[in-house]
């Protein structure tokens, strides 16, 4: 299953643009996210985890649109 992020943008109320047109595809397995302070790592992770809203863009995990289908039922 792939995590696909396309043209993700987030600007905070104070005018700081944390994410600008972020696009990447992450395949299943181990993945690291490295960058200097203020690069947008935490903003990206909070957005993927649906703890904050993106201004625009899309995030999908397989067939799930992460930004619009926040509450998915888990089948056992």
PDB file of N, CA and C in Angstrom:
ATOM      1  N   UNK A   1       0.851  -1.172   0.000  1.00  0.00           N
ATOM      2  CA  UNK A   1       0.000   0.000   0.000  1.00  0.00           C
ATOM      3  C   UNK A   1       0.900   1.239   0.000  1.00  0.00           C
ATOM      4  N   UNK A   2       0.550   2.203  -0.785  1.00  0.00           N
ATOM      5  CA  UNK A   2       1.326   3.444  -0.891  1.00  0.00           C
ATOM      6  C   UNK A   2       0.611   4.598  -0.207  1.00  0.00           C
ATOM      7  N   UNK A   3       1.405   5.498   0.353  1.00  0.00           N
ATOM      8  CA  UNK A   3       0.915   6.780   0.843  1.00  0.00           C
ATOM      9  C   UNK A   3       1.272   7.791  -0.237  1.00  0.00           C
ATOM     10  N   UNK A   4       0.265   8.406  -0.834  1.00  0.00           N
ATOM     11  CA  UNK A   4       0.498   9.353  -1.925  1.00  0.00           C
ATOM     12  C   UNK A   4       0.043  10.741  -1.490  1.00  0.00           C
ATOM     13  N   UNK A   5       0.977  11.675  -1.492  1.00  0.00           N
ATOM     14  CA  UNK A   5       0.717  13.066  -1.115  1.00  0.00           C
ATOM     15  C   UNK A   5       0.896  13.915  -2.364  1.00  0.00           C
ATOM     16  N   UNK A   6      -0.110  14.727  -2.672  1.00  0.00           N
ATOM     17  CA  UNK A   6      -0.075  15.503  -3.908  1.00  0.00           C
ATOM     18  C   UNK A   6      -0.395  16.968  -3.641  1.00  0.00           C
ATOM     19  N   UNK A   7       0.531  17.846  -3.998  1.00  0.00           N
ATOM     20  CA  UNK A   7       0.338  19.303  -3.939  1.00  0.00           C
ATOM     21  C   UNK A   7      -0.223  19.782  -2.601  1.00  0.00           C
ATOM     22  N   UNK A   8       0.346  19.309  -1.513  1.00  0.00           N
ATOM     23  CA  UNK A   8      -0.127  19.646  -0.174  1.00  0.00           C
ATOM     24  C   UNK A   8       0.383  21.015   0.248  1.00  0.00           C
ATOM     25  N   UNK A   9      -0.517  21.857   0.741  1.00  0.00           N
ATOM     26  CA  UNK A   9      -0.185  23.207   1.179  1.00  0.00           C
ATOM     27  C   UNK A   9      -0.782  23.484   2.546  1.00  0.00           C
ATOM     28  N   UNK A  10      -0.012  24.187   3.383  1.00  0.00           N
ATOM     29  CA  UNK A  10      -0.499  24.621   4.694  1.00  0.00           C
ATOM     30  C   UNK A  10       0.180  25.931   5.053  1.00  0.00           C
ATOM     31  N   UNK A  11      -0.631  26.966   5.281  1.00  0.00           N
ATOM     32  CA  UNK A  11      -0.146  28.255   5.764  1.00  0.00           C
ATOM     33  C   UNK A  11      -0.883  28.546   7.059  1.00  0.00           C
ATOM     34  N   UNK A  12      -0.122  28.860   8.098  1.00  0.00           N
ATOM     35  CA  UNK A  12      -0.717  29.155   9.395  1.00  0.00           C
ATOM     36  C   UNK A  12      -1.267  30.582   9.428  1.00  0.00           C
ATOM     37  N   UNK A  13      -2.103  30.863  10.424  1.00  0.00           N
ATOM     38  CA  UNK A  13      -2.754  32.165  10.555  1.00  0.00           C
ATOM     39  C   UNK A  13      -1.757  33.315  10.655  1.00  0.00           C
ATOM     40  N   UNK A  14      -0.552  33.029  11.181  1.00  0.00           N
ATOM     41  CA  UNK A  14       0.463  34.083  11.307  1.00  0.00           C
ATOM     42  C   UNK A  14       1.235  34.325  10.008  1.00  0.00           C
ATOM     43  N   UNK A  15       0.843  33.639   8.933  1.00  0.00           N
ATOM     44  CA  UNK A  15       1.463  33.848   7.626  1.00  0.00           C
ATOM     45  C   UNK A  15       2.595  32.901   7.296  1.00  0.00           C
ATOM     46  N   UNK A  16       2.998  32.043   8.218  1.00  0.00           N
ATOM     47  CA  UNK A  16       4.079  31.093   7.965  1.00  0.00           C
ATOM     48  C   UNK A  16       3.570  29.986   7.048  1.00  0.00           C
ATOM     49  N   UNK A  17       4.253  29.833   5.910  1.00  0.00           N
ATOM     50  CA  UNK A  17       3.895  28.775   4.965  1.00  0.00           C
ATOM     51  C   UNK A  17       4.720  27.537   5.311  1.00  0.00           C
ATOM     52  N   UNK A  18       4.083  26.571   5.981  1.00  0.00           N
ATOM     53  CA  UNK A  18       4.782  25.382   6.461  1.00  0.00           C
ATOM     54  C   UNK A  18       4.959  24.342   5.364  1.00  0.00           C
ATOM     55  N   UNK A  19       3.970  24.211   4.483  1.00  0.00           N
ATOM     56  CA  UNK A  19       4.019  23.245   3.390  1.00  0.00           C
ATOM     57  C   UNK A  19       3.661  23.947   2.088  1.00  0.00           C
ATOM     58  N   UNK A  20       4.487  23.765   1.086  1.00  0.00           N
ATOM     59  CA  UNK A  20       4.236  24.406  -0.204  1.00  0.00           C
ATOM     60  C   UNK A  20       4.377  23.374  -1.311  1.00  0.00           C
ATOM     61  N   UNK A  21       3.240  22.981  -1.882  1.00  0.00           N
ATOM     62  CA  UNK A  21       3.191  22.035  -2.999  1.00  0.00           C
ATOM     63  C   UNK A  21       4.013  20.769  -2.746  1.00  0.00           C
ATOM     64  N   UNK A  22       3.832  20.175  -1.569  1.00  0.00           N
ATOM     65  CA  UNK A  22       4.545  18.948  -1.228  1.00  0.00           C
ATOM     66  C   UNK A  22       3.889  17.772  -1.954  1.00  0.00           C
ATOM     67  N   UNK A  23       4.682  17.045  -2.726  1.00  0.00           N
ATOM     68  CA  UNK A  23       4.214  15.854  -3.428  1.00  0.00           C
ATOM     69  C   UNK A  23       5.243  14.752  -3.261  1.00  0.00           C
ATOM     70  N   UNK A  24       4.780  13.596  -2.803  1.00  0.00           N
ATOM     71  CA  UNK A  24       5.670  12.443  -2.709  1.00  0.00           C
ATOM     72  C   UNK A  24       4.855  11.170  -2.605  1.00  0.00           C
ATOM     73  N   UNK A  25       5.494  10.081  -2.976  1.00  0.00           N
ATOM     74  CA  UNK A  25       4.902   8.758  -2.883  1.00  0.00           C
ATOM     75  C   UNK A  25       5.791   7.919  -1.983  1.00  0.00           C
ATOM     76  N   UNK A  26       5.194   7.352  -0.940  1.00  0.00           N
ATOM     77  CA  UNK A  26       5.939   6.546   0.019  1.00  0.00           C
ATOM     78  C   UNK A  26       5.431   5.118  -0.075  1.00  0.00           C
ATOM     79  N   UNK A  27       6.320   4.213  -0.440  1.00  0.00           N
ATOM     80  CA  UNK A  27       5.967   2.801  -0.536  1.00  0.00           C
ATOM     81  C   UNK A  27       5.985   2.157   0.836  1.00  0.00           C
ATOM     82  N   UNK A  28       5.410   0.970   0.930  1.00  0.00           N
ATOM     83  CA  UNK A  28       5.362   0.236   2.185  1.00  0.00           C
ATOM     84  C   UNK A  28       6.779  -0.053   2.675  1.00  0.00           C
ATOM     85  N   UNK A  29       6.994   0.050   3.965  1.00  0.00           N
ATOM     86  CA  UNK A  29       8.296  -0.221   4.561  1.00  0.00           C
ATOM     87  C   UNK A  29       8.769   0.949   5.398  1.00  0.00           C
ATOM     88  N   UNK A  30      10.021   0.928   5.743  1.00  0.00           N
ATOM     89  CA  UNK A  30      10.626   1.953   6.597  1.00  0.00           C
ATOM     90  C   UNK A  30      10.863   3.228   5.790  1.00  0.00           C
ATOM     91  N   UNK A  31      10.580   4.378   6.426  1.00  0.00           N
ATOM     92  CA  UNK A  31      10.762   5.657   5.749  1.00  0.00           C
ATOM     93  C   UNK A  31      11.185   6.682   6.781  1.00  0.00           C
ATOM     94  N   UNK A  32      12.153   7.505   6.450  1.00  0.00           N
ATOM     95  CA  UNK A  32      12.607   8.564   7.344  1.00  0.00           C
ATOM     96  C   UNK A  32      12.312   9.926   6.747  1.00  0.00           C
ATOM     97  N   UNK A  33      12.063  10.879   7.615  1.00  0.00           N
ATOM     98  CA  UNK A  33      11.780  12.246   7.194  1.00  0.00           C
ATOM     99  C   UNK A  33      12.775  13.151   7.896  1.00  0.00           C
ATOM    100  N   UNK A  34      13.721  13.669   7.142  1.00  0.00           N
ATOM    101  CA  UNK A  34      14.789  14.495   7.700  1.00  0.00           C
ATOM    102  C   UNK A  34      14.744  15.894   7.117  1.00  0.00           C
ATOM    103  N   UNK A  35      15.134  16.876   7.911  1.00  0.00           N
ATOM    104  CA  UNK A  35      15.209  18.251   7.440  1.00  0.00           C
ATOM    105  C   UNK A  35      15.519  19.174   8.594  1.00  0.00           C
ATOM    106  N   UNK A  36      15.935  20.387   8.286  1.00  0.00           N
ATOM    107  CA  UNK A  36      16.275  21.346   9.340  1.00  0.00           C
ATOM    108  C   UNK A  36      15.021  21.816  10.085  1.00  0.00           C
ATOM    109  N   UNK A  37      15.252  22.439  11.238  1.00  0.00           N
ATOM    110  CA  UNK A  37      14.151  23.034  11.991  1.00  0.00           C
ATOM    111  C   UNK A  37      13.394  24.015  11.099  1.00  0.00           C
ATOM    112  N   UNK A  38      12.074  23.955  11.162  1.00  0.00           N
ATOM    113  CA  UNK A  38      11.254  24.866  10.364  1.00  0.00           C
ATOM    114  C   UNK A  38      11.003  24.401   8.948  1.00  0.00           C
ATOM    115  N   UNK A  39      11.433  23.178   8.611  1.00  0.00           N
ATOM    116  CA  UNK A  39      11.278  22.675   7.242  1.00  0.00           C
ATOM    117  C   UNK A  39       9.865  22.176   6.946  1.00  0.00           C
ATOM    118  N   UNK A  40       9.054  21.939   7.987  1.00  0.00           N
ATOM    119  CA  UNK A  40       7.680  21.491   7.775  1.00  0.00           C
ATOM    120  C   UNK A  40       7.446  20.024   8.106  1.00  0.00           C
ATOM    121  N   UNK A  41       8.417  19.367   8.716  1.00  0.00           N
ATOM    122  CA  UNK A  41       8.276  17.941   9.053  1.00  0.00           C
ATOM    123  C   UNK A  41       7.088  17.696   9.980  1.00  0.00           C
ATOM    124  N   UNK A  42       7.020  18.428  11.059  1.00  0.00           N
ATOM    125  CA  UNK A  42       5.920  18.247  12.022  1.00  0.00           C
ATOM    126  C   UNK A  42       4.585  18.646  11.401  1.00  0.00           C
ATOM    127  N   UNK A  43       4.564  19.680  10.610  1.00  0.00           N
ATOM    128  CA  UNK A  43       3.326  20.088   9.937  1.00  0.00           C
ATOM    129  C   UNK A  43       2.848  19.002   8.993  1.00  0.00           C
ATOM    130  N   UNK A  44       3.762  18.383   8.277  1.00  0.00           N
ATOM    131  CA  UNK A  44       3.409  17.298   7.370  1.00  0.00           C
ATOM    132  C   UNK A  44       2.846  16.115   8.151  1.00  0.00           C
ATOM    133  N   UNK A  45       3.512  15.726   9.231  1.00  0.00           N
ATOM    134  CA  UNK A  45       3.061  14.583  10.019  1.00  0.00           C
ATOM    135  C   UNK A  45       1.713  14.856  10.682  1.00  0.00           C
ATOM    136  N   UNK A  46       1.502  16.064  11.188  1.00  0.00           N
ATOM    137  CA  UNK A  46       0.206  16.409  11.789  1.00  0.00           C
ATOM    138  C   UNK A  46      -0.908  16.378  10.749  1.00  0.00           C
ATOM    139  N   UNK A  47      -0.607  16.791   9.540  1.00  0.00           N
ATOM    140  CA  UNK A  47      -1.607  16.791   8.476  1.00  0.00           C
ATOM    141  C   UNK A  47      -1.931  15.367   8.050  1.00  0.00           C
ATOM    142  N   UNK A  48      -0.912  14.527   7.894  1.00  0.00           N
ATOM    143  CA  UNK A  48      -1.138  13.124   7.542  1.00  0.00           C
ATOM    144  C   UNK A  48      -1.977  12.433   8.607  1.00  0.00           C
ATOM    145  N   UNK A  49      -1.713  12.745   9.873  1.00  0.00           N
ATOM    146  CA  UNK A  49      -2.428  12.127  10.991  1.00  0.00           C
ATOM    147  C   UNK A  49      -3.801  12.760  11.228  1.00  0.00           C
ATOM    148  N   UNK A  50      -4.186  13.705  10.415  1.00  0.00           N
ATOM    149  CA  UNK A  50      -5.462  14.441  10.486  1.00  0.00           C
ATOM    150  C   UNK A  50      -5.616  15.230  11.776  1.00  0.00           C
ATOM    151  N   UNK A  51      -4.512  15.657  12.371  1.00  0.00           N
ATOM    152  CA  UNK A  51      -4.561  16.505  13.560  1.00  0.00           C
ATOM    153  C   UNK A  51      -4.702  17.971  13.192  1.00  0.00           C
ATOM    154  N   UNK A  52      -4.444  18.295  11.916  1.00  0.00           N
ATOM    155  CA  UNK A  52      -4.668  19.647  11.416  1.00  0.00           C
ATOM    156  C   UNK A  52      -5.129  19.544   9.969  1.00  0.00           C
ATOM    157  N   UNK A  53      -5.820  20.573   9.509  1.00  0.00           N
ATOM    158  CA  UNK A  53      -6.332  20.616   8.142  1.00  0.00           C
ATOM    159  C   UNK A  53      -5.280  21.169   7.196  1.00  0.00           C
ATOM    160  N   UNK A  54      -5.251  20.655   5.992  1.00  0.00           N
ATOM    161  CA  UNK A  54      -4.423  21.224   4.931  1.00  0.00           C
ATOM    162  C   UNK A  54      -5.223  22.329   4.254  1.00  0.00           C
ATOM    163  N   UNK A  55      -4.528  23.314   3.682  1.00  0.00           N
ATOM    164  CA  UNK A  55      -5.214  24.354   2.915  1.00  0.00           C
ATOM    165  C   UNK A  55      -5.653  23.808   1.564  1.00  0.00           C
ATOM    166  N   UNK A  56      -4.819  22.962   0.979  1.00  0.00           N
ATOM    167  CA  UNK A  56      -5.139  22.334  -0.306  1.00  0.00           C
ATOM    168  C   UNK A  56      -4.236  21.125  -0.499  1.00  0.00           C
ATOM    169  N   UNK A  57      -4.566  20.332  -1.490  1.00  0.00           N
ATOM    170  CA  UNK A  57      -3.802  19.137  -1.802  1.00  0.00           C
ATOM    171  C   UNK A  57      -4.565  17.890  -1.396  1.00  0.00           C
ATOM    172  N   UNK A  58      -3.911  16.743  -1.571  1.00  0.00           N
ATOM    173  CA  UNK A  58      -4.561  15.478  -1.237  1.00  0.00           C
ATOM    174  C   UNK A  58      -3.562  14.500  -0.633  1.00  0.00           C
ATOM    175  N   UNK A  59      -4.103  13.603   0.194  1.00  0.00           N
ATOM    176  CA  UNK A  59      -3.330  12.530   0.790  1.00  0.00           C
ATOM    177  C   UNK A  59      -4.170  11.273   0.675  1.00  0.00           C
ATOM    178  N   UNK A  60      -3.600  10.230   0.089  1.00  0.00           N
ATOM    179  CA  UNK A  60      -4.330   8.970   0.009  1.00  0.00           C
ATOM    180  C   UNK A  60      -3.453   7.828   0.490  1.00  0.00           C
ATOM    181  N   UNK A  61      -4.090   6.900   1.185  1.00  0.00           N
ATOM    182  CA  UNK A  61      -3.447   5.683   1.651  1.00  0.00           C
ATOM    183  C   UNK A  61      -4.248   4.543   1.050  1.00  0.00           C
ATOM    184  N   UNK A  62      -3.717   3.949   0.008  1.00  0.00           N
ATOM    185  CA  UNK A  62      -4.486   2.957  -0.739  1.00  0.00           C
ATOM    186  C   UNK A  62      -5.725   3.609  -1.312  1.00  0.00           C
ATOM    187  N   UNK A  63      -6.891   3.077  -0.976  1.00  0.00           N
ATOM    188  CA  UNK A  63      -8.160   3.620  -1.479  1.00  0.00           C
ATOM    189  C   UNK A  63      -8.770   4.673  -0.567  1.00  0.00           C
ATOM    190  N   UNK A  64      -8.083   5.018   0.517  1.00  0.00           N
ATOM    191  CA  UNK A  64      -8.624   5.970   1.492  1.00  0.00           C
ATOM    192  C   UNK A  64      -8.101   7.372   1.223  1.00  0.00           C
ATOM    193  N   UNK A  65      -9.013   8.328   1.082  1.00  0.00           N
ATOM    194  CA  UNK A  65      -8.636   9.734   1.001  1.00  0.00           C
ATOM    195  C   UNK A  65      -8.519  10.219   2.441  1.00  0.00           C
ATOM    196  N   UNK A  66      -7.304  10.376   2.917  1.00  0.00           N
ATOM    197  CA  UNK A  66      -7.034  10.681   4.317  1.00  0.00           C
ATOM    198  C   UNK A  66      -7.696  11.993   4.752  1.00  0.00           C
ATOM    199  N   UNK A  67      -7.742  12.964   3.877  1.00  0.00           N
ATOM    200  CA  UNK A  67      -8.264  14.278   4.264  1.00  0.00           C
ATOM    201  C   UNK A  67      -9.788  14.326   4.327  1.00  0.00           C
ATOM    202  N   UNK A  68     -10.467  13.468   3.574  1.00  0.00           N
ATOM    203  CA  UNK A  68     -11.934  13.505   3.577  1.00  0.00           C
ATOM    204  C   UNK A  68     -12.568  12.318   4.284  1.00  0.00           C
ATOM    205  N   UNK A  69     -11.823  11.231   4.462  1.00  0.00           N
ATOM    206  CA  UNK A  69     -12.347  10.031   5.110  1.00  0.00           C
ATOM    207  C   UNK A  69     -11.598   9.795   6.424  1.00  0.00           C
ATOM    208  N   UNK A  70     -11.682  10.754   7.313  1.00  0.00           N
ATOM    209  CA  UNK A  70     -10.900  10.705   8.556  1.00  0.00           C
ATOM    210  C   UNK A  70     -11.303   9.557   9.459  1.00  0.00           C
ATOM    211  N   UNK A  71     -12.576   9.235   9.492  1.00  0.00           N
ATOM    212  CA  UNK A  71     -13.043   8.153  10.375  1.00  0.00           C
ATOM    213  C   UNK A  71     -13.443   6.963   9.517  1.00  0.00           C
ATOM    214  N   UNK A  72     -12.557   5.992   9.468  1.00  0.00           N
ATOM    215  CA  UNK A  72     -12.834   4.757   8.723  1.00  0.00           C
ATOM    216  C   UNK A  72     -13.069   3.653   9.743  1.00  0.00           C
ATOM    217  N   UNK A  73     -14.089   2.844   9.508  1.00  0.00           N
ATOM    218  CA  UNK A  73     -14.327   1.726  10.423  1.00  0.00           C
ATOM    219  C   UNK A  73     -13.308   0.636  10.146  1.00  0.00           C
ATOM    220  N   UNK A  74     -12.855   0.023  11.228  1.00  0.00           N
ATOM    221  CA  UNK A  74     -11.872  -1.043  11.126  1.00  0.00           C
ATOM    222  C   UNK A  74     -12.585  -2.363  11.223  1.00  0.00           C
ATOM    223  N   UNK A  75     -12.366  -3.234  10.239  1.00  0.00           N
ATOM    224  CA  UNK A  75     -12.997  -4.554  10.236  1.00  0.00           C
ATOM    225  C   UNK A  75     -11.985  -5.571  10.732  1.00  0.00           C
ATOM    226  N   UNK A  76     -12.411  -6.436  11.636  1.00  0.00           N
ATOM    227  CA  UNK A  76     -11.528  -7.464  12.196  1.00  0.00           C
ATOM    228  C   UNK A  76     -11.836  -8.803  11.559  1.00  0.00           C
TER     229      UNK A  76
END
